[in-house]
C-alpha atoms as a PDB file:
ATOM      1  CA  MET A   1       0.864  38.165 -49.254  1.00  0.00           C
ATOM      2  CA  SER A   2       3.620  36.648 -51.344  1.00  0.00           C
ATOM      3  CA  LYS A   3       3.532  33.232 -52.958  1.00  0.00           C
ATOM      4  CA  ASP A   4       7.351  33.091 -53.189  1.00  0.00           C
ATOM      5  CA  ASN A   5       8.478  29.840 -54.808  1.00  0.00           C
ATOM      6  CA  LEU A   6       5.410  27.803 -53.912  1.00  0.00           C
ATOM      7  CA  SER A   7       3.732  25.808 -56.667  1.00  0.00           C
ATOM      8  CA  LYS A   8      -0.001  25.885 -57.323  1.00  0.00           C
ATOM      9  CA  LYS A   9      -0.263  22.450 -55.715  1.00  0.00           C
ATOM     10  CA  GLU A  10       1.499  23.660 -52.555  1.00  0.00           C
ATOM     11  CA  LEU A  11      -0.640  26.795 -52.319  1.00  0.00           C
ATOM     12  CA  LEU A  12      -3.865  24.839 -52.720  1.00  0.00           C
ATOM     13  CA  LYS A  13      -2.642  22.345 -50.110  1.00  0.00           C
ATOM     14  CA  LEU A  14      -2.448  25.176 -47.593  1.00  0.00           C
ATOM     15  CA  GLN A  15      -6.053  26.142 -48.304  1.00  0.00           C
ATOM     16  CA  GLU A  16      -7.138  22.509 -48.245  1.00  0.00           C
ATOM     17  CA  LYS A  17      -5.660  21.996 -44.771  1.00  0.00           C
ATOM     18  CA  MET A  18      -7.216  25.179 -43.396  1.00  0.00           C
ATOM     19  CA  ILE A  19     -10.642  24.243 -44.747  1.00  0.00           C
ATOM     20  CA  LEU A  20     -10.305  20.709 -43.374  1.00  0.00           C
ATOM     21  CA  ILE A  21      -9.588  22.096 -39.904  1.00  0.00           C
ATOM     22  CA  ARG A  22     -12.502  24.541 -40.129  1.00  0.00           C
ATOM     23  CA  GLU A  23     -14.954  21.843 -41.220  1.00  0.00           C
ATOM     24  CA  PHE A  24     -13.639  19.510 -38.525  1.00  0.00           C
ATOM     25  CA  GLU A  25     -14.129  22.125 -35.810  1.00  0.00           C
ATOM     26  CA  GLU A  26     -17.621  23.049 -36.948  1.00  0.00           C
ATOM     27  CA  ALA A  27     -18.538  19.344 -36.937  1.00  0.00           C
ATOM     28  CA  CYS A  28     -17.127  19.095 -33.406  1.00  0.00           C
ATOM     29  CA  GLY A  29     -19.382  21.916 -32.282  1.00  0.00           C
ATOM     30  CA  GLU A  30     -22.410  20.224 -33.821  1.00  0.00           C
ATOM     31  CA  ASN A  31     -21.658  16.852 -32.256  1.00  0.00           C
ATOM     32  CA  TYR A  32     -20.965  18.420 -28.885  1.00  0.00           C
ATOM     33  CA  ALA A  33     -24.472  19.879 -29.013  1.00  0.00           C
ATOM     34  CA  LYS A  34     -25.818  16.429 -29.888  1.00  0.00           C
ATOM     35  CA  GLY A  35     -24.078  14.891 -26.880  1.00  0.00           C
ATOM     36  CA  PHE A  36     -21.619  12.723 -28.794  1.00  0.00           C
ATOM     37  CA  ILE A  37     -18.661  14.785 -27.540  1.00  0.00           C
ATOM     38  CA  ARG A  38     -18.494  15.456 -23.806  1.00  0.00           C
ATOM     39  CA  GLY A  39     -16.285  17.252 -21.351  1.00  0.00           C
ATOM     40  CA  PHE A  40     -14.308  20.294 -22.435  1.00  0.00           C
ATOM     41  CA  LEU A  41     -14.129  21.306 -26.083  1.00  0.00           C
ATOM     42  CA  HIS A  42     -11.950  24.210 -27.241  1.00  0.00           C
ATOM     43  CA  LEU A  43     -12.381  25.100 -30.917  1.00  0.00           C
ATOM     44  CA  TYR A  44      -9.647  26.488 -33.162  1.00  0.00           C
ATOM     45  CA  ILE A  45     -11.909  28.369 -35.578  1.00  0.00           C
ATOM     46  CA  GLY A  46     -10.175  31.535 -36.819  1.00  0.00           C
ATOM     47  CA  GLU A  47      -6.626  30.404 -36.022  1.00  0.00           C
ATOM     48  CA  GLU A  48      -6.162  27.879 -38.855  1.00  0.00           C
ATOM     49  CA  ALA A  49      -3.458  29.869 -40.654  1.00  0.00           C
ATOM     50  CA  ILE A  50      -1.085  29.417 -37.723  1.00  0.00           C
ATOM     51  CA  ALA A  51      -1.294  25.635 -37.469  1.00  0.00           C
ATOM     52  CA  VAL A  52      -1.107  25.152 -41.223  1.00  0.00           C
ATOM     53  CA  GLY A  53       1.565  27.759 -41.934  1.00  0.00           C
ATOM     54  CA  ALA A  54       3.834  26.729 -39.069  1.00  0.00           C
ATOM     55  CA  ILE A  55       3.507  22.947 -39.177  1.00  0.00           C
ATOM     56  CA  SER A  56       3.762  22.790 -42.988  1.00  0.00           C
ATOM     57  CA  SER A  57       7.299  24.130 -42.558  1.00  0.00           C
ATOM     58  CA  LEU A  58       8.467  21.220 -40.398  1.00  0.00           C
ATOM     59  CA  GLU A  59      10.458  18.162 -41.357  1.00  0.00           C
ATOM     60  CA  LYS A  60       9.148  14.694 -40.538  1.00  0.00           C
ATOM     61  CA  GLU A  61      11.724  14.301 -37.758  1.00  0.00           C
ATOM     62  CA  ASP A  62      10.743  17.535 -35.983  1.00  0.00           C
ATOM     63  CA  TYR A  63       8.487  17.514 -32.936  1.00  0.00           C
ATOM     64  CA  VAL A  64       5.241  19.316 -32.133  1.00  0.00           C
ATOM     65  CA  VAL A  65       4.075  19.963 -28.561  1.00  0.00           C
ATOM     66  CA  THR A  66       0.961  22.000 -27.926  1.00  0.00           C
ATOM     67  CA  HIS A  67      -1.835  23.109 -25.622  1.00  0.00           C
ATOM     68  CA  TYR A  68      -5.419  21.971 -25.148  1.00  0.00           C
ATOM     69  CA  ARG A  69      -6.744  23.794 -28.267  1.00  0.00           C
ATOM     70  CA  ASP A  70      -4.972  21.112 -30.254  1.00  0.00           C
ATOM     71  CA  HIS A  71      -7.260  19.755 -32.983  1.00  0.00           C
ATOM     72  CA  GLY A  72      -5.959  22.151 -35.634  1.00  0.00           C
ATOM     73  CA  HIS A  73      -2.333  21.322 -34.866  1.00  0.00           C
ATOM     74  CA  ALA A  74      -3.059  17.596 -34.974  1.00  0.00           C
ATOM     75  CA  LEU A  75      -4.740  17.748 -38.375  1.00  0.00           C
ATOM     76  CA  ALA A  76      -2.065  20.066 -39.764  1.00  0.00           C
ATOM     77  CA  ARG A  77       0.544  17.510 -38.671  1.00  0.00           C
ATOM     78  CA  GLY A  78      -1.283  14.821 -40.620  1.00  0.00           C
ATOM     79  CA  LEU A  79      -3.147  12.899 -37.928  1.00  0.00           C
ATOM     80  CA  SER A  80      -6.182  11.274 -39.498  1.00  0.00           C
ATOM     81  CA  THR A  81      -9.554  12.967 -39.144  1.00  0.00           C
ATOM     82  CA  GLU A  82     -11.129   9.632 -38.215  1.00  0.00           C
ATOM     83  CA  SER A  83      -8.773   8.863 -35.333  1.00  0.00           C
ATOM     84  CA  VAL A  84      -8.903  12.416 -33.974  1.00  0.00           C
ATOM     85  CA  MET A  85     -12.691  12.622 -34.183  1.00  0.00           C
ATOM     86  CA  ALA A  86     -13.023   9.181 -32.581  1.00  0.00           C
ATOM     87  CA  GLU A  87     -10.835  10.400 -29.720  1.00  0.00           C
ATOM     88  CA  LEU A  88     -13.182  13.319 -29.143  1.00  0.00           C
ATOM     89  CA  PHE A  89     -16.064  10.819 -29.123  1.00  0.00           C
ATOM     90  CA  GLY A  90     -14.187   8.807 -26.470  1.00  0.00           C
ATOM     91  CA  LYS A  91     -13.944   5.724 -28.662  1.00  0.00           C
ATOM     92  CA  SER A  92     -11.319   2.977 -28.649  1.00  0.00           C
ATOM     93  CA  THR A  93     -10.368   3.830 -32.251  1.00  0.00           C
ATOM     94  CA  GLY A  94      -9.277   7.278 -31.152  1.00  0.00           C
ATOM     95  CA  VAL A  95      -5.686   8.433 -31.497  1.00  0.00           C
ATOM     96  CA  SER A  96      -5.300   8.138 -27.697  1.00  0.00           C
ATOM     97  CA  LYS A  97      -7.592   5.076 -27.485  1.00  0.00           C
ATOM     98  CA  GLY A  98     -10.470   7.201 -26.197  1.00  0.00           C
ATOM     99  CA  LYS A  99      -8.612   7.970 -22.961  1.00  0.00           C
ATOM    100  CA  GLY A 100      -7.465  11.501 -23.704  1.00  0.00           C
ATOM    101  CA  GLY A 101     -10.369  13.275 -25.326  1.00  0.00           C
ATOM    102  CA  SER A 102     -10.203  16.709 -26.901  1.00  0.00           C
ATOM    103  CA  MET A 103      -7.231  18.046 -24.934  1.00  0.00           C
ATOM    104  CA  HIS A 104      -4.864  15.067 -25.122  1.00  0.00           C
ATOM    105  CA  LEU A 105      -4.216  14.100 -28.736  1.00  0.00           C
ATOM    106  CA  PHE A 106      -0.966  12.158 -29.232  1.00  0.00           C
ATOM    107  CA  ASP A 107       0.704  10.437 -32.174  1.00  0.00           C
ATOM    108  CA  VAL A 108       4.282   9.366 -31.468  1.00  0.00           C
ATOM    109  CA  GLU A 109       4.802   8.098 -35.031  1.00  0.00           C
ATOM    110  CA  LYS A 110       4.271  11.653 -36.294  1.00  0.00           C
ATOM    111  CA  ASN A 111       6.280  13.167 -33.423  1.00  0.00           C
ATOM    112  CA  PHE A 112       3.103  14.878 -32.254  1.00  0.00           C
ATOM    113  CA  MET A 113       3.779  14.891 -28.539  1.00  0.00           C
ATOM    114  CA  GLY A 114       0.407  15.884 -27.332  1.00  0.00           C
ATOM    115  CA  GLY A 115      -2.021  18.513 -26.353  1.00  0.00           C
ATOM    116  CA  HIS A 116      -1.669  19.422 -22.674  1.00  0.00           C
ATOM    117  CA  ALA A 117      -4.524  20.654 -20.515  1.00  0.00           C
ATOM    118  CA  ILE A 118      -2.532  22.514 -17.853  1.00  0.00           C
ATOM    119  CA  VAL A 119      -1.742  26.033 -19.039  1.00  0.00           C
ATOM    120  CA  GLY A 120       1.981  26.314 -19.765  1.00  0.00           C
ATOM    121  CA  ALA A 121       2.713  22.677 -18.880  1.00  0.00           C
ATOM    122  CA  GLN A 122       3.796  21.875 -22.428  1.00  0.00           C
ATOM    123  CA  LEU A 123       6.703  24.340 -22.323  1.00  0.00           C
ATOM    124  CA  PRO A 124       9.137  22.441 -20.051  1.00  0.00           C
ATOM    125  CA  LEU A 125       8.158  19.181 -21.776  1.00  0.00           C
ATOM    126  CA  ALA A 126       9.154  20.686 -25.122  1.00  0.00           C
ATOM    127  CA  LEU A 127      12.397  21.838 -23.514  1.00  0.00           C
ATOM    128  CA  GLY A 128      13.144  18.272 -22.406  1.00  0.00           C
ATOM    129  CA  ILE A 129      12.568  16.908 -25.907  1.00  0.00           C
ATOM    130  CA  ALA A 130      14.857  19.596 -27.339  1.00  0.00           C
ATOM    131  CA  LEU A 131      17.526  18.728 -24.773  1.00  0.00           C
ATOM    132  CA  ALA A 132      17.286  15.076 -25.814  1.00  0.00           C
ATOM    133  CA  CYS A 133      17.627  16.038 -29.496  1.00  0.00           C
ATOM    134  CA  LYS A 134      20.774  18.033 -28.752  1.00  0.00           C
ATOM    135  CA  TYR A 135      22.177  15.313 -26.491  1.00  0.00           C
ATOM    136  CA  LYS A 136      21.730  12.749 -29.268  1.00  0.00           C
ATOM    137  CA  LYS A 137      23.172  15.223 -31.801  1.00  0.00           C
ATOM    138  CA  GLU A 138      20.064  15.158 -33.948  1.00  0.00           C
ATOM    139  CA  ASN A 139      19.223  18.135 -36.147  1.00  0.00           C
ATOM    140  CA  ASN A 140      15.576  18.200 -35.093  1.00  0.00           C
ATOM    141  CA  VAL A 141      13.601  21.239 -33.962  1.00  0.00           C
ATOM    142  CA  VAL A 142      10.844  21.228 -31.354  1.00  0.00           C
ATOM    143  CA  LEU A 143       7.899  23.476 -32.230  1.00  0.00           C
ATOM    144  CA  VAL A 144       5.885  24.333 -29.126  1.00  0.00           C
ATOM    145  CA  PHE A 145       2.595  26.243 -29.265  1.00  0.00           C
ATOM    146  CA  PHE A 146       1.184  28.231 -26.361  1.00  0.00           C
ATOM    147  CA  GLY A 147      -1.309  31.023 -25.842  1.00  0.00           C
ATOM    148  CA  ASP A 148      -1.096  34.496 -24.341  1.00  0.00           C
ATOM    149  CA  GLY A 149      -2.599  33.106 -21.140  1.00  0.00           C
ATOM    150  CA  ALA A 150       0.516  30.964 -20.599  1.00  0.00           C
ATOM    151  CA  VAL A 151       3.054  33.796 -20.598  1.00  0.00           C
ATOM    152  CA  SER A 152       2.220  34.755 -17.020  1.00  0.00           C
ATOM    153  CA  GLN A 153       3.126  31.257 -15.863  1.00  0.00           C
ATOM    154  CA  GLY A 154       6.512  30.739 -14.274  1.00  0.00           C
ATOM    155  CA  THR A 155       7.146  27.829 -16.648  1.00  0.00           C
ATOM    156  CA  PHE A 156       7.194  30.259 -19.587  1.00  0.00           C
ATOM    157  CA  HIS A 157      10.059  32.280 -18.118  1.00  0.00           C
ATOM    158  CA  GLU A 158      11.910  29.258 -16.752  1.00  0.00           C
ATOM    159  CA  THR A 159      11.741  27.492 -20.106  1.00  0.00           C
ATOM    160  CA  LEU A 160      12.897  30.511 -22.117  1.00  0.00           C
ATOM    161  CA  ASN A 161      15.800  31.004 -19.734  1.00  0.00           C
ATOM    162  CA  LEU A 162      17.011  27.408 -19.966  1.00  0.00           C
ATOM    163  CA  ALA A 163      16.436  27.186 -23.724  1.00  0.00           C
ATOM    164  CA  SER A 164      18.665  30.226 -24.192  1.00  0.00           C
ATOM    165  CA  LEU A 165      21.233  29.174 -21.603  1.00  0.00           C
ATOM    166  CA  TRP A 166      21.610  25.681 -23.057  1.00  0.00           C
ATOM    167  CA  GLU A 167      21.153  26.817 -26.699  1.00  0.00           C
ATOM    168  CA  LEU A 168      18.372  24.340 -27.427  1.00  0.00           C
ATOM    169  CA  PRO A 169      16.568  23.901 -30.777  1.00  0.00           C
ATOM    170  CA  VAL A 170      13.129  25.171 -29.749  1.00  0.00           C
ATOM    171  CA  LEU A 171      10.763  27.318 -31.775  1.00  0.00           C
ATOM    172  CA  PHE A 172       8.394  28.968 -29.309  1.00  0.00           C
ATOM    173  CA  PHE A 173       5.154  29.805 -31.115  1.00  0.00           C
ATOM    174  CA  LEU A 174       2.860  32.169 -29.244  1.00  0.00           C
ATOM    175  CA  GLU A 175      -0.737  32.213 -30.497  1.00  0.00           C
ATOM    176  CA  ASN A 176      -1.850  35.574 -29.126  1.00  0.00           C
ATOM    177  CA  ASN A 177      -5.618  35.518 -29.582  1.00  0.00           C
ATOM    178  CA  LEU A 178      -5.898  38.418 -27.092  1.00  0.00           C
ATOM    179  CA  TYR A 179      -7.921  36.505 -24.512  1.00  0.00           C
ATOM    180  CA  GLY A 180      -6.874  34.088 -21.786  1.00  0.00           C
ATOM    181  CA  MET A 181     -10.321  32.582 -21.194  1.00  0.00           C
ATOM    182  CA  GLY A 182     -12.326  35.804 -20.698  1.00  0.00           C
ATOM    183  CA  SER A 183      -9.487  38.133 -19.701  1.00  0.00           C
ATOM    184  CA  HIS A 184      -8.055  40.491 -22.321  1.00  0.00           C
ATOM    185  CA  VAL A 185      -4.276  40.513 -22.548  1.00  0.00           C
ATOM    186  CA  GLU A 186      -4.210  44.240 -21.741  1.00  0.00           C
ATOM    187  CA  ASN A 187      -5.746  43.442 -18.353  1.00  0.00           C
ATOM    188  CA  THR A 188      -3.271  40.689 -17.516  1.00  0.00           C
ATOM    189  CA  ARG A 189       0.056  42.062 -18.796  1.00  0.00           C
ATOM    190  CA  ALA A 190       1.777  45.219 -17.619  1.00  0.00           C
ATOM    191  CA  GLU A 191       3.357  45.625 -21.070  1.00  0.00           C
ATOM    192  CA  GLY A 192       0.054  45.371 -22.925  1.00  0.00           C
ATOM    193  CA  ARG A 193      -0.735  43.531 -26.157  1.00  0.00           C
ATOM    194  CA  ASP A 194       2.749  42.810 -27.512  1.00  0.00           C
ATOM    195  CA  ILE A 195       4.429  39.897 -25.786  1.00  0.00           C
ATOM    196  CA  TYR A 196       7.302  38.929 -28.073  1.00  0.00           C
ATOM    197  CA  SER A 197       9.623  41.513 -26.493  1.00  0.00           C
ATOM    198  CA  SER A 198       9.644  39.330 -23.346  1.00  0.00           C
ATOM    199  CA  ALA A 199      12.156  37.119 -25.142  1.00  0.00           C
ATOM    200  CA  ASP A 200      14.750  39.926 -25.098  1.00  0.00           C
ATOM    201  CA  ALA A 201      15.365  39.406 -21.381  1.00  0.00           C
ATOM    202  CA  TYR A 202      16.622  35.895 -22.161  1.00  0.00           C
ATOM    203  CA  GLY A 203      18.656  36.773 -25.234  1.00  0.00           C
ATOM    204  CA  ILE A 204      16.193  35.055 -27.556  1.00  0.00           C
ATOM    205  CA  GLN A 205      15.460  36.372 -31.028  1.00  0.00           C
ATOM    206  CA  ALA A 206      11.774  37.214 -31.397  1.00  0.00           C
ATOM    207  CA  GLU A 207       9.529  37.858 -34.399  1.00  0.00           C
ATOM    208  CA  ILE A 208       5.961  39.055 -34.786  1.00  0.00           C
ATOM    209  CA  VAL A 209       3.633  37.925 -37.557  1.00  0.00           C
ATOM    210  CA  ASP A 210       0.061  38.297 -38.797  1.00  0.00           C
ATOM    211  CA  GLY A 211      -1.492  35.048 -37.587  1.00  0.00           C
ATOM    212  CA  MET A 212      -4.405  35.438 -40.003  1.00  0.00           C
ATOM    213  CA  ASN A 213      -2.092  35.275 -43.045  1.00  0.00           C
ATOM    214  CA  VAL A 214      -0.983  31.722 -43.822  1.00  0.00           C
ATOM    215  CA  LEU A 215       1.814  32.785 -46.185  1.00  0.00           C
ATOM    216  CA  GLU A 216       3.322  35.170 -43.649  1.00  0.00           C
ATOM    217  CA  VAL A 217       3.256  32.454 -41.009  1.00  0.00           C
ATOM    218  CA  LEU A 218       4.803  29.963 -43.426  1.00  0.00           C
ATOM    219  CA  ASP A 219       7.552  32.375 -44.447  1.00  0.00           C
ATOM    220  CA  ILE A 220       8.638  33.460 -40.966  1.00  0.00           C
ATOM    221  CA  THR A 221       8.486  29.881 -39.661  1.00  0.00           C
ATOM    222  CA  LYS A 222      10.681  28.571 -42.475  1.00  0.00           C
ATOM    223  CA  LYS A 223      13.278  31.258 -41.825  1.00  0.00           C
ATOM    224  CA  SER A 224      13.195  30.618 -38.085  1.00  0.00           C
ATOM    225  CA  LEU A 225      13.573  26.853 -38.487  1.00  0.00           C
ATOM    226  CA  GLU A 226      16.543  27.319 -40.802  1.00  0.00           C
ATOM    227  CA  SER A 227      18.207  29.616 -38.278  1.00  0.00           C
ATOM    228  CA  ILE A 228      17.612  27.199 -35.393  1.00  0.00           C
ATOM    229  CA  ARG A 229      19.037  24.247 -37.342  1.00  0.00           C
ATOM    230  CA  ASN A 230      22.144  26.268 -38.194  1.00  0.00           C
ATOM    231  CA  ASN A 231      22.971  27.650 -34.748  1.00  0.00           C
ATOM    232  CA  SER A 232      20.820  25.638 -32.279  1.00  0.00           C
ATOM    233  CA  LYS A 233      19.518  28.790 -30.661  1.00  0.00           C
ATOM    234  CA  PRO A 234      15.820  29.174 -29.814  1.00  0.00           C
ATOM    235  CA  ILE A 235      13.510  31.689 -31.476  1.00  0.00           C
ATOM    236  CA  LEU A 236      10.112  33.018 -30.411  1.00  0.00           C
ATOM    237  CA  ILE A 237       7.356  33.949 -32.844  1.00  0.00           C
ATOM    238  CA  GLU A 238       4.278  35.850 -31.720  1.00  0.00           C
ATOM    239  CA  ALA A 239       1.303  35.536 -34.058  1.00  0.00           C
ATOM    240  CA  LYS A 240      -1.573  37.971 -33.715  1.00  0.00           C
ATOM    241  CA  THR A 241      -4.798  36.023 -34.118  1.00  0.00           C
ATOM    242  CA  PHE A 242      -8.354  35.660 -32.824  1.00  0.00           C
ATOM    243  CA  ARG A 243     -10.625  32.757 -31.970  1.00  0.00           C
ATOM    244  CA  PHE A 244     -14.046  33.269 -33.516  1.00  0.00           C
ATOM    245  CA  SER A 245     -15.788  31.171 -30.859  1.00  0.00           C
ATOM    246  CA  GLY A 246     -15.577  31.417 -27.074  1.00  0.00           C
ATOM    247  CA  HIS A 247     -12.852  29.941 -24.913  1.00  0.00           C
ATOM    248  CA  SER A 248     -14.746  26.649 -24.879  1.00  0.00           C
ATOM    249  CA  MET A 249     -18.194  25.399 -25.823  1.00  0.00           C
ATOM    250  CA  ALA A 250     -19.349  26.464 -22.343  1.00  0.00           C
ATOM    251  CA  ASP A 251     -18.344  30.086 -23.020  1.00  0.00           C
ATOM    252  CA  PRO A 252     -20.844  32.479 -24.696  1.00  0.00           C
ATOM    253  CA  ALA A 253     -18.017  35.054 -25.029  1.00  0.00           C
ATOM    254  CA  LYS A 254     -20.162  37.983 -23.893  1.00  0.00           C
ATOM    255  CA  TYR A 255     -17.019  39.824 -22.787  1.00  0.00           C
ATOM    256  CA  ARG A 256     -16.219  40.605 -26.451  1.00  0.00           C
ATOM    257  CA  SER A 257     -18.037  43.341 -28.352  1.00  0.00           C
ATOM    258  CA  LYS A 258     -19.720  42.736 -31.718  1.00  0.00           C
ATOM    259  CA  ASP A 259     -17.477  45.377 -33.258  1.00  0.00           C
ATOM    260  CA  GLU A 260     -14.348  43.540 -32.127  1.00  0.00           C
ATOM    261  CA  LEU A 261     -15.639  40.219 -33.411  1.00  0.00           C
ATOM    262  CA  ASN A 262     -16.685  41.725 -36.762  1.00  0.00           C
ATOM    263  CA  TYR A 263     -13.262  43.353 -37.141  1.00  0.00           C
ATOM    264  CA  TRP A 264     -11.556  39.983 -36.873  1.00  0.00           C
ATOM    265  CA  LEU A 265     -14.153  38.118 -38.935  1.00  0.00           C
ATOM    266  CA  LYS A 266     -13.151  40.345 -41.855  1.00  0.00           C
ATOM    267  CA  LYS A 267      -9.639  38.905 -41.448  1.00  0.00           C
ATOM    268  CA  ASP A 268     -10.845  35.297 -41.712  1.00  0.00           C
ATOM    269  CA  PRO A 269      -7.688  33.444 -42.856  1.00  0.00           C
ATOM    270  CA  ILE A 270      -9.604  31.091 -45.152  1.00  0.00           C
ATOM    271  CA  LYS A 271     -11.656  33.754 -46.903  1.00  0.00           C
ATOM    272  CA  SER A 272      -8.636  36.054 -47.203  1.00  0.00           C
ATOM    273  CA  PHE A 273      -6.506  33.336 -48.765  1.00  0.00           C
ATOM    274  CA  GLU A 274      -9.351  32.379 -51.093  1.00  0.00           C
ATOM    275  CA  LYS A 275      -9.500  35.962 -52.381  1.00  0.00           C
ATOM    276  CA  TYR A 276      -5.745  35.934 -52.843  1.00  0.00           C
ATOM    277  CA  LEU A 277      -5.744  32.663 -54.792  1.00  0.00           C
ATOM    278  CA  ILE A 278      -8.480  33.876 -57.132  1.00  0.00           C
ATOM    279  CA  GLY A 279      -7.064  37.408 -57.421  1.00  0.00           C
ATOM    280  CA  GLU A 280      -3.619  36.066 -58.391  1.00  0.00           C
ATOM    281  CA  ASN A 281      -5.219  33.708 -60.961  1.00  0.00           C
ATOM    282  CA  ILE A 282      -3.773  30.720 -59.136  1.00  0.00           C
ATOM    283  CA  CYS A 283      -7.064  28.813 -59.195  1.00  0.00           C
ATOM    284  CA  THR A 284     -10.760  29.156 -59.953  1.00  0.00           C
ATOM    285  CA  LYS A 285     -13.807  29.285 -57.692  1.00  0.00           C
ATOM    286  CA  ASP A 286     -14.776  25.830 -58.963  1.00  0.00           C
ATOM    287  CA  GLU A 287     -11.438  24.387 -57.830  1.00  0.00           C
ATOM    288  CA  LEU A 288     -11.920  25.885 -54.365  1.00  0.00           C
ATOM    289  CA  LYS A 289     -15.470  24.563 -54.275  1.00  0.00           C
ATOM    290  CA  LYS A 290     -14.192  21.044 -54.946  1.00  0.00           C
ATOM    291  CA  ILE A 291     -11.626  21.405 -52.143  1.00  0.00           C
ATOM    292  CA  LYS A 292     -14.372  22.326 -49.698  1.00  0.00           C
ATOM    293  CA  GLU A 293     -16.644  19.522 -50.877  1.00  0.00           C
ATOM    294  CA  LYS A 294     -13.794  17.042 -50.398  1.00  0.00           C
ATOM    295  CA  ALA A 295     -13.213  18.306 -46.856  1.00  0.00           C
ATOM    296  CA  ILE A 296     -16.905  18.127 -45.962  1.00  0.00           C
ATOM    297  CA  ASN A 297     -17.080  14.557 -47.266  1.00  0.00           C
ATOM    298  CA  GLU A 298     -13.997  13.530 -45.257  1.00  0.00           C
ATOM    299  CA  ILE A 299     -15.389  14.999 -42.045  1.00  0.00           C
ATOM    300  CA  GLU A 300     -18.772  13.331 -42.567  1.00  0.00           C
ATOM    301  CA  LYS A 301     -16.978   9.992 -42.887  1.00  0.00           C
ATOM    302  CA  ALA A 302     -14.965  10.722 -39.739  1.00  0.00           C
ATOM    303  CA  VAL A 303     -18.138  11.436 -37.755  1.00  0.00           C
ATOM    304  CA  ASP A 304     -19.795   8.280 -39.067  1.00  0.00           C
ATOM    305  CA  PHE A 305     -16.679   6.265 -38.218  1.00  0.00           C
ATOM    306  CA  SER A 306     -16.668   7.684 -34.698  1.00  0.00           C
ATOM    307  CA  ILE A 307     -20.337   6.982 -34.066  1.00  0.00           C
ATOM    308  CA  LYS A 308     -19.933   3.358 -35.165  1.00  0.00           C
ATOM    309  CA  SER A 309     -16.653   2.784 -33.295  1.00  0.00           C
ATOM    310  CA  PRO A 310     -16.724   0.767 -30.039  1.00  0.00           C
ATOM    311  CA  GLU A 311     -16.249   2.182 -26.563  1.00  0.00           C
ATOM    312  CA  PRO A 312     -12.981   1.287 -24.769  1.00  0.00           C
ATOM    313  CA  SER A 313     -13.226  -1.983 -22.837  1.00  0.00           C
ATOM    314  CA  LEU A 314     -12.973  -2.093 -19.033  1.00  0.00           C
ATOM    315  CA  GLU A 315      -9.625  -3.883 -19.407  1.00  0.00           C
ATOM    316  CA  GLU A 316      -8.206  -0.684 -20.922  1.00  0.00           C
ATOM    317  CA  LEU A 317      -8.394   0.953 -17.497  1.00  0.00           C
ATOM    318  CA  LYS A 318      -5.262  -0.905 -16.441  1.00  0.00           C
ATOM    319  CA  LYS A 319      -3.277  -0.303 -19.631  1.00  0.00           C
ATOM    320  CA  ASP A 320      -1.018   2.608 -20.639  1.00  0.00           C
ATOM    321  CA  ILE A 321      -0.378   3.646 -17.047  1.00  0.00           C
ATOM    322  CA  TYR A 322       2.668   3.747 -14.785  1.00  0.00           C
ATOM    323  CA  ALA A 323       2.701   1.551 -11.703  1.00  0.00           C
END
């Protein structure tokens, strides 16, 4: 890891965001078990370094489009814990008014253009936003997240082709957590684990990064964004990562061995960064303890807010729809 030109405040902010996401996700799991959260719930535990490292590099005017494992991206972008948690609870105070749930978090004011439940569906939508940015001669970049399960979709190849052909400002961010639901990437791709080389066929520059290392993610994302702003050509980043929980709360993840899970648990992005911060004398254990206590307190308030929030009214059924 390298701290580059980051201040102590900036470094601790990275850890603070990762811890906030982790505490949020663990609270989601608990409240799903209690019955407060229903439907599908896909946790982001283990992948926090990607959301925080990548999204921290963006400008306010840039856009984020993502998949259904979207809580971490939403919080990294600055959506409030209360409004996101309330959305998961299906309450009217939720960021999507309780109509979207876990997989459909939106905040237009923050240019967070949603989680999308259909695998790969977010890719052409991101392309359209990038086309609009170029048409209006704005210097914005569209950051689109997708998983290894989406690369077998036709939309992945179609979007890469058009992004390259039209020279659109898109940063494709592949979160390769090795499993598309319960299928290992080696069983679904002829080329095996590494996917970033797929971009070569479309003339797109591609990078690979350790998705468990927040500083590496931050560094490569910053460089990629600068390149895209300068030449309006897309770039693809593949981050190697691992989700510590199953595909969803309904998945016991028995297809993964204990040895594989333990291997990745040792790479926990939060614990690794904590060791780095202490080892480099950037902060003390007490300072990190206070950061965690602050996050726990914020999430407790978000849960309480969500429990007390009202359900959407029946009149809301006819609002926010196209006729």
